[in-house]
Amino acid sequence: MEVSAGVGLSPCEKECLKWLVAGLRPDEIASRLHIGVKSIEKYIASAKVKMKCATRDQAVAKAIIFK
């Protein structure tokens, strides 16, 4: 899955969004990627800023729309 190329998301941010779209919670993503939950939360927060989203749900919706 890719989010709009012009947004400039890092590979980790894209990976986190991919798993959020799949329905995983941050703790489940952290377990799957073998990194800390705080790191996942940072990646998600950074992706939200880059995508100009106020909420995690909005970021997931944009990720689905823009693939």
PDB file of N, CA and C in Angstrom:
ATOM      1  N   MET A   1       0.843  -1.177   0.000  1.00  0.00           N
ATOM      2  CA  MET A   1       0.000   0.000   0.000  1.00  0.00           C
ATOM      3  C   MET A   1       0.880   1.229   0.000  1.00  0.00           C
ATOM      4  N   GLU A   2       0.524   2.207  -0.782  1.00  0.00           N
ATOM      5  CA  GLU A   2       1.245   3.461  -0.774  1.00  0.00           C
ATOM      6  C   GLU A   2       0.269   4.591  -0.533  1.00  0.00           C
ATOM      7  N   VAL A   3       0.715   5.557   0.233  1.00  0.00           N
ATOM      8  CA  VAL A   3      -0.056   6.764   0.443  1.00  0.00           C
ATOM      9  C   VAL A   3       0.503   7.785  -0.519  1.00  0.00           C
ATOM     10  N   SER A   4      -0.329   8.641  -1.024  1.00  0.00           N
ATOM     11  CA  SER A   4       0.039   9.646  -2.022  1.00  0.00           C
ATOM     12  C   SER A   4       1.520   9.983  -1.997  1.00  0.00           C
ATOM     13  N   ALA A   5       2.192   9.780  -3.110  1.00  0.00           N
ATOM     14  CA  ALA A   5       3.644   9.936  -3.191  1.00  0.00           C
ATOM     15  C   ALA A   5       4.094  11.332  -2.808  1.00  0.00           C
ATOM     16  N   GLY A   6       3.283  12.344  -3.063  1.00  0.00           N
ATOM     17  CA  GLY A   6       3.667  13.714  -2.757  1.00  0.00           C
ATOM     18  C   GLY A   6       3.683  14.043  -1.279  1.00  0.00           C
ATOM     19  N   VAL A   7       3.136  13.173  -0.464  1.00  0.00           N
ATOM     20  CA  VAL A   7       3.050  13.444   0.969  1.00  0.00           C
ATOM     21  C   VAL A   7       4.408  13.308   1.638  1.00  0.00           C
ATOM     22  N   GLY A   8       5.257  12.429   1.148  1.00  0.00           N
ATOM     23  CA  GLY A   8       6.594  12.267   1.700  1.00  0.00           C
ATOM     24  C   GLY A   8       6.657  11.462   2.983  1.00  0.00           C
ATOM     25  N   LEU A   9       5.843  10.435   3.088  1.00  0.00           N
ATOM     26  CA  LEU A   9       5.869   9.585   4.277  1.00  0.00           C
ATOM     27  C   LEU A   9       7.092   8.677   4.246  1.00  0.00           C
ATOM     28  N   SER A  10       7.630   8.422   5.429  1.00  0.00           N
ATOM     29  CA  SER A  10       8.755   7.497   5.535  1.00  0.00           C
ATOM     30  C   SER A  10       8.242   6.068   5.373  1.00  0.00           C
ATOM     31  N   PRO A  11       9.135   5.130   5.088  1.00  0.00           N
ATOM     32  CA  PRO A  11       8.698   3.727   4.997  1.00  0.00           C
ATOM     33  C   PRO A  11       8.026   3.231   6.283  1.00  0.00           C
ATOM     34  N   CYS A  12       8.526   3.654   7.427  1.00  0.00           N
ATOM     35  CA  CYS A  12       7.926   3.219   8.704  1.00  0.00           C
ATOM     36  C   CYS A  12       6.529   3.807   8.887  1.00  0.00           C
ATOM     37  N   GLU A  13       6.348   5.057   8.486  1.00  0.00           N
ATOM     38  CA  GLU A  13       5.027   5.685   8.580  1.00  0.00           C
ATOM     39  C   GLU A  13       4.042   4.966   7.665  1.00  0.00           C
ATOM     40  N   LYS A  14       4.481   4.636   6.456  1.00  0.00           N
ATOM     41  CA  LYS A  14       3.624   3.904   5.520  1.00  0.00           C
ATOM     42  C   LYS A  14       3.264   2.531   6.072  1.00  0.00           C
ATOM     43  N   GLU A  15       4.240   1.865   6.659  1.00  0.00           N
ATOM     44  CA  GLU A  15       4.006   0.532   7.221  1.00  0.00           C
ATOM     45  C   GLU A  15       2.978   0.598   8.350  1.00  0.00           C
ATOM     46  N   CYS A  16       3.114   1.588   9.217  1.00  0.00           N
ATOM     47  CA  CYS A  16       2.156   1.741  10.324  1.00  0.00           C
ATOM     48  C   CYS A  16       0.753   2.009   9.793  1.00  0.00           C
ATOM     49  N   LEU A  17       0.647   2.883   8.794  1.00  0.00           N
ATOM     50  CA  LEU A  17      -0.658   3.166   8.209  1.00  0.00           C
ATOM     51  C   LEU A  17      -1.254   1.923   7.562  1.00  0.00           C
ATOM     52  N   LYS A  18      -0.413   1.146   6.907  1.00  0.00           N
ATOM     53  CA  LYS A  18      -0.888  -0.081   6.270  1.00  0.00           C
ATOM     54  C   LYS A  18      -1.552  -0.986   7.303  1.00  0.00           C
ATOM     55  N   TRP A  19      -0.903  -1.135   8.460  1.00  0.00           N
ATOM     56  CA  TRP A  19      -1.461  -2.010   9.485  1.00  0.00           C
ATOM     57  C   TRP A  19      -2.676  -1.395  10.171  1.00  0.00           C
ATOM     58  N   LEU A  20      -2.707  -0.071  10.296  1.00  0.00           N
ATOM     59  CA  LEU A  20      -3.908   0.578  10.837  1.00  0.00           C
ATOM     60  C   LEU A  20      -5.091   0.336   9.907  1.00  0.00           C
ATOM     61  N   VAL A  21      -4.864   0.468   8.604  1.00  0.00           N
ATOM     62  CA  VAL A  21      -5.916   0.201   7.620  1.00  0.00           C
ATOM     63  C   VAL A  21      -6.420  -1.233   7.753  1.00  0.00           C
ATOM     64  N   ALA A  22      -5.512  -2.149   8.057  1.00  0.00           N
ATOM     65  CA  ALA A  22      -5.887  -3.559   8.219  1.00  0.00           C
ATOM     66  C   ALA A  22      -6.632  -3.811   9.528  1.00  0.00           C
ATOM     67  N   GLY A  23      -6.699  -2.805  10.397  1.00  0.00           N
ATOM     68  CA  GLY A  23      -7.476  -2.938  11.625  1.00  0.00           C
ATOM     69  C   GLY A  23      -6.675  -3.232  12.879  1.00  0.00           C
ATOM     70  N   LEU A  24      -5.342  -3.192  12.788  1.00  0.00           N
ATOM     71  CA  LEU A  24      -4.531  -3.473  13.969  1.00  0.00           C
ATOM     72  C   LEU A  24      -4.423  -2.230  14.865  1.00  0.00           C
ATOM     73  N   ARG A  25      -4.312  -2.480  16.159  1.00  0.00           N
ATOM     74  CA  ARG A  25      -4.065  -1.421  17.138  1.00  0.00           C
ATOM     75  C   ARG A  25      -2.560  -1.176  17.216  1.00  0.00           C
ATOM     76  N   PRO A  26      -2.151  -0.003  17.730  1.00  0.00           N
ATOM     77  CA  PRO A  26      -0.718   0.289  17.824  1.00  0.00           C
ATOM     78  C   PRO A  26       0.096  -0.775  18.559  1.00  0.00           C
ATOM     79  N   ASP A  27      -0.456  -1.361  19.619  1.00  0.00           N
ATOM     80  CA  ASP A  27       0.300  -2.393  20.336  1.00  0.00           C
ATOM     81  C   ASP A  27       0.477  -3.647  19.482  1.00  0.00           C
ATOM     82  N   GLU A  28      -0.516  -3.956  18.660  1.00  0.00           N
ATOM     83  CA  GLU A  28      -0.402  -5.100  17.764  1.00  0.00           C
ATOM     84  C   GLU A  28       0.607  -4.835  16.644  1.00  0.00           C
ATOM     85  N   ILE A  29       0.623  -3.599  16.150  1.00  0.00           N
ATOM     86  CA  ILE A  29       1.595  -3.218  15.119  1.00  0.00           C
ATOM     87  C   ILE A  29       3.005  -3.308  15.703  1.00  0.00           C
ATOM     88  N   ALA A  30       3.181  -2.799  16.908  1.00  0.00           N
ATOM     89  CA  ALA A  30       4.494  -2.830  17.560  1.00  0.00           C
ATOM     90  C   ALA A  30       4.990  -4.265  17.708  1.00  0.00           C
ATOM     91  N   SER A  31       4.107  -5.148  18.112  1.00  0.00           N
ATOM     92  CA  SER A  31       4.476  -6.551  18.267  1.00  0.00           C
ATOM     93  C   SER A  31       4.871  -7.160  16.927  1.00  0.00           C
ATOM     94  N   ARG A  32       4.122  -6.843  15.900  1.00  0.00           N
ATOM     95  CA  ARG A  32       4.381  -7.385  14.570  1.00  0.00           C
ATOM     96  C   ARG A  32       5.711  -6.870  14.001  1.00  0.00           C
ATOM     97  N   LEU A  33       6.022  -5.588  14.272  1.00  0.00           N
ATOM     98  CA  LEU A  33       7.240  -4.979  13.722  1.00  0.00           C
ATOM     99  C   LEU A  33       8.433  -5.085  14.675  1.00  0.00           C
ATOM    100  N   HIS A  34       8.204  -5.625  15.850  1.00  0.00           N
ATOM    101  CA  HIS A  34       9.262  -5.810  16.856  1.00  0.00           C
ATOM    102  C   HIS A  34       9.916  -4.491  17.271  1.00  0.00           C
ATOM    103  N   ILE A  35       9.063  -3.478  17.478  1.00  0.00           N
ATOM    104  CA  ILE A  35       9.530  -2.192  18.007  1.00  0.00           C
ATOM    105  C   ILE A  35       8.545  -1.744  19.074  1.00  0.00           C
ATOM    106  N   GLY A  36       8.906  -0.713  19.800  1.00  0.00           N
ATOM    107  CA  GLY A  36       8.075  -0.248  20.903  1.00  0.00           C
ATOM    108  C   GLY A  36       6.810   0.463  20.459  1.00  0.00           C
ATOM    109  N   VAL A  37       5.810   0.414  21.330  1.00  0.00           N
ATOM    110  CA  VAL A  37       4.529   1.075  21.060  1.00  0.00           C
ATOM    111  C   VAL A  37       4.736   2.576  20.906  1.00  0.00           C
ATOM    112  N   LYS A  38       5.625   3.153  21.700  1.00  0.00           N
ATOM    113  CA  LYS A  38       5.878   4.597  21.598  1.00  0.00           C
ATOM    114  C   LYS A  38       6.421   4.966  20.222  1.00  0.00           C
ATOM    115  N   SER A  39       7.247   4.115  19.649  1.00  0.00           N
ATOM    116  CA  SER A  39       7.759   4.361  18.296  1.00  0.00           C
ATOM    117  C   SER A  39       6.617   4.335  17.284  1.00  0.00           C
ATOM    118  N   ILE A  40       5.721   3.382  17.433  1.00  0.00           N
ATOM    119  CA  ILE A  40       4.560   3.296  16.538  1.00  0.00           C
ATOM    120  C   ILE A  40       3.723   4.558  16.652  1.00  0.00           C
ATOM    121  N   GLU A  41       3.470   4.987  17.878  1.00  0.00           N
ATOM    122  CA  GLU A  41       2.673   6.203  18.093  1.00  0.00           C
ATOM    123  C   GLU A  41       3.356   7.418  17.451  1.00  0.00           C
ATOM    124  N   LYS A  42       4.689   7.494  17.532  1.00  0.00           N
ATOM    125  CA  LYS A  42       5.420   8.602  16.901  1.00  0.00           C
ATOM    126  C   LYS A  42       5.279   8.563  15.391  1.00  0.00           C
ATOM    127  N   TYR A  43       5.397   7.374  14.800  1.00  0.00           N
ATOM    128  CA  TYR A  43       5.252   7.244  13.350  1.00  0.00           C
ATOM    129  C   TYR A  43       3.848   7.649  12.904  1.00  0.00           C
ATOM    130  N   ILE A  44       2.849   7.228  13.663  1.00  0.00           N
ATOM    131  CA  ILE A  44       1.467   7.570  13.324  1.00  0.00           C
ATOM    132  C   ILE A  44       1.248   9.076  13.459  1.00  0.00           C
ATOM    133  N   ALA A  45       1.750   9.658  14.538  1.00  0.00           N
ATOM    134  CA  ALA A  45       1.600  11.105  14.745  1.00  0.00           C
ATOM    135  C   ALA A  45       2.280  11.889  13.630  1.00  0.00           C
ATOM    136  N   SER A  46       3.461  11.448  13.242  1.00  0.00           N
ATOM    137  CA  SER A  46       4.190  12.118  12.171  1.00  0.00           C
ATOM    138  C   SER A  46       3.436  11.999  10.844  1.00  0.00           C
ATOM    139  N   ALA A  47       2.899  10.839  10.569  1.00  0.00           N
ATOM    140  CA  ALA A  47       2.121  10.636   9.340  1.00  0.00           C
ATOM    141  C   ALA A  47       0.884  11.531   9.344  1.00  0.00           C
ATOM    142  N   LYS A  48       0.228  11.652  10.504  1.00  0.00           N
ATOM    143  CA  LYS A  48      -0.951  12.513  10.607  1.00  0.00           C
ATOM    144  C   LYS A  48      -0.609  13.950  10.259  1.00  0.00           C
ATOM    145  N   VAL A  49       0.520  14.443  10.759  1.00  0.00           N
ATOM    146  CA  VAL A  49       0.937  15.814  10.474  1.00  0.00           C
ATOM    147  C   VAL A  49       1.209  15.987   8.980  1.00  0.00           C
ATOM    148  N   LYS A  50       1.971  15.066   8.410  1.00  0.00           N
ATOM    149  CA  LYS A  50       2.325  15.152   6.988  1.00  0.00           C
ATOM    150  C   LYS A  50       1.091  15.078   6.093  1.00  0.00           C
ATOM    151  N   MET A  51       0.092  14.307   6.524  1.00  0.00           N
ATOM    152  CA  MET A  51      -1.122  14.133   5.729  1.00  0.00           C
ATOM    153  C   MET A  51      -2.181  15.183   6.071  1.00  0.00           C
ATOM    154  N   LYS A  52      -1.850  16.069   7.012  1.00  0.00           N
ATOM    155  CA  LYS A  52      -2.772  17.118   7.466  1.00  0.00           C
ATOM    156  C   LYS A  52      -4.080  16.527   7.994  1.00  0.00           C
ATOM    157  N   CYS A  53      -3.939  15.553   8.893  1.00  0.00           N
ATOM    158  CA  CYS A  53      -5.079  14.880   9.506  1.00  0.00           C
ATOM    159  C   CYS A  53      -5.145  15.219  10.987  1.00  0.00           C
ATOM    160  N   ALA A  54      -6.347  15.426  11.482  1.00  0.00           N
ATOM    161  CA  ALA A  54      -6.534  15.736  12.891  1.00  0.00           C
ATOM    162  C   ALA A  54      -6.596  14.479  13.759  1.00  0.00           C
ATOM    163  N   THR A  55      -7.060  13.380  13.173  1.00  0.00           N
ATOM    164  CA  THR A  55      -7.234  12.158  13.951  1.00  0.00           C
ATOM    165  C   THR A  55      -6.613  10.967  13.233  1.00  0.00           C
ATOM    166  N   ARG A  56      -6.414   9.905  13.983  1.00  0.00           N
ATOM    167  CA  ARG A  56      -5.913   8.656  13.409  1.00  0.00           C
ATOM    168  C   ARG A  56      -6.913   8.102  12.390  1.00  0.00           C
ATOM    169  N   ASP A  57      -8.198   8.193  12.711  1.00  0.00           N
ATOM    170  CA  ASP A  57      -9.224   7.702  11.787  1.00  0.00           C
ATOM    171  C   ASP A  57      -9.192   8.452  10.462  1.00  0.00           C
ATOM    172  N   GLN A  58      -8.966   9.745  10.518  1.00  0.00           N
ATOM    173  CA  GLN A  58      -8.874  10.544   9.299  1.00  0.00           C
ATOM    174  C   GLN A  58      -7.653  10.105   8.477  1.00  0.00           C
ATOM    175  N   ALA A  59      -6.547   9.833   9.131  1.00  0.00           N
ATOM    176  CA  ALA A  59      -5.345   9.365   8.435  1.00  0.00           C
ATOM    177  C   ALA A  59      -5.596   8.011   7.773  1.00  0.00           C
ATOM    178  N   VAL A  60      -6.303   7.134   8.463  1.00  0.00           N
ATOM    179  CA  VAL A  60      -6.635   5.827   7.894  1.00  0.00           C
ATOM    180  C   VAL A  60      -7.531   6.012   6.669  1.00  0.00           C
ATOM    181  N   ALA A  61      -8.518   6.895   6.774  1.00  0.00           N
ATOM    182  CA  ALA A  61      -9.431   7.145   5.648  1.00  0.00           C
ATOM    183  C   ALA A  61      -8.663   7.689   4.444  1.00  0.00           C
ATOM    184  N   LYS A  62      -7.751   8.631   4.666  1.00  0.00           N
ATOM    185  CA  LYS A  62      -6.951   9.176   3.570  1.00  0.00           C
ATOM    186  C   LYS A  62      -6.033   8.107   2.974  1.00  0.00           C
ATOM    187  N   ALA A  63      -5.491   7.266   3.823  1.00  0.00           N
ATOM    188  CA  ALA A  63      -4.617   6.192   3.342  1.00  0.00           C
ATOM    189  C   ALA A  63      -5.403   5.246   2.430  1.00  0.00           C
ATOM    190  N   ILE A  64      -6.647   4.980   2.779  1.00  0.00           N
ATOM    191  CA  ILE A  64      -7.479   4.114   1.951  1.00  0.00           C
ATOM    192  C   ILE A  64      -7.807   4.806   0.623  1.00  0.00           C
ATOM    193  N   ILE A  65      -8.170   6.061   0.699  1.00  0.00           N
ATOM    194  CA  ILE A  65      -8.553   6.809  -0.502  1.00  0.00           C
ATOM    195  C   ILE A  65      -7.378   6.955  -1.466  1.00  0.00           C
ATOM    196  N   PHE A  66      -6.203   7.318  -0.940  1.00  0.00           N
ATOM    197  CA  PHE A  66      -5.043   7.578  -1.797  1.00  0.00           C
ATOM    198  C   PHE A  66      -4.162   6.359  -2.006  1.00  0.00           C
ATOM    199  N   LYS A  67      -4.525   5.260  -1.403  1.00  0.00           N
ATOM    200  CA  LYS A  67      -3.770   3.999  -1.517  1.00  0.00           C
ATOM    201  C   LYS A  67      -2.310   4.188  -1.164  1.00  0.00           C
TER     202      LYS A  67
END
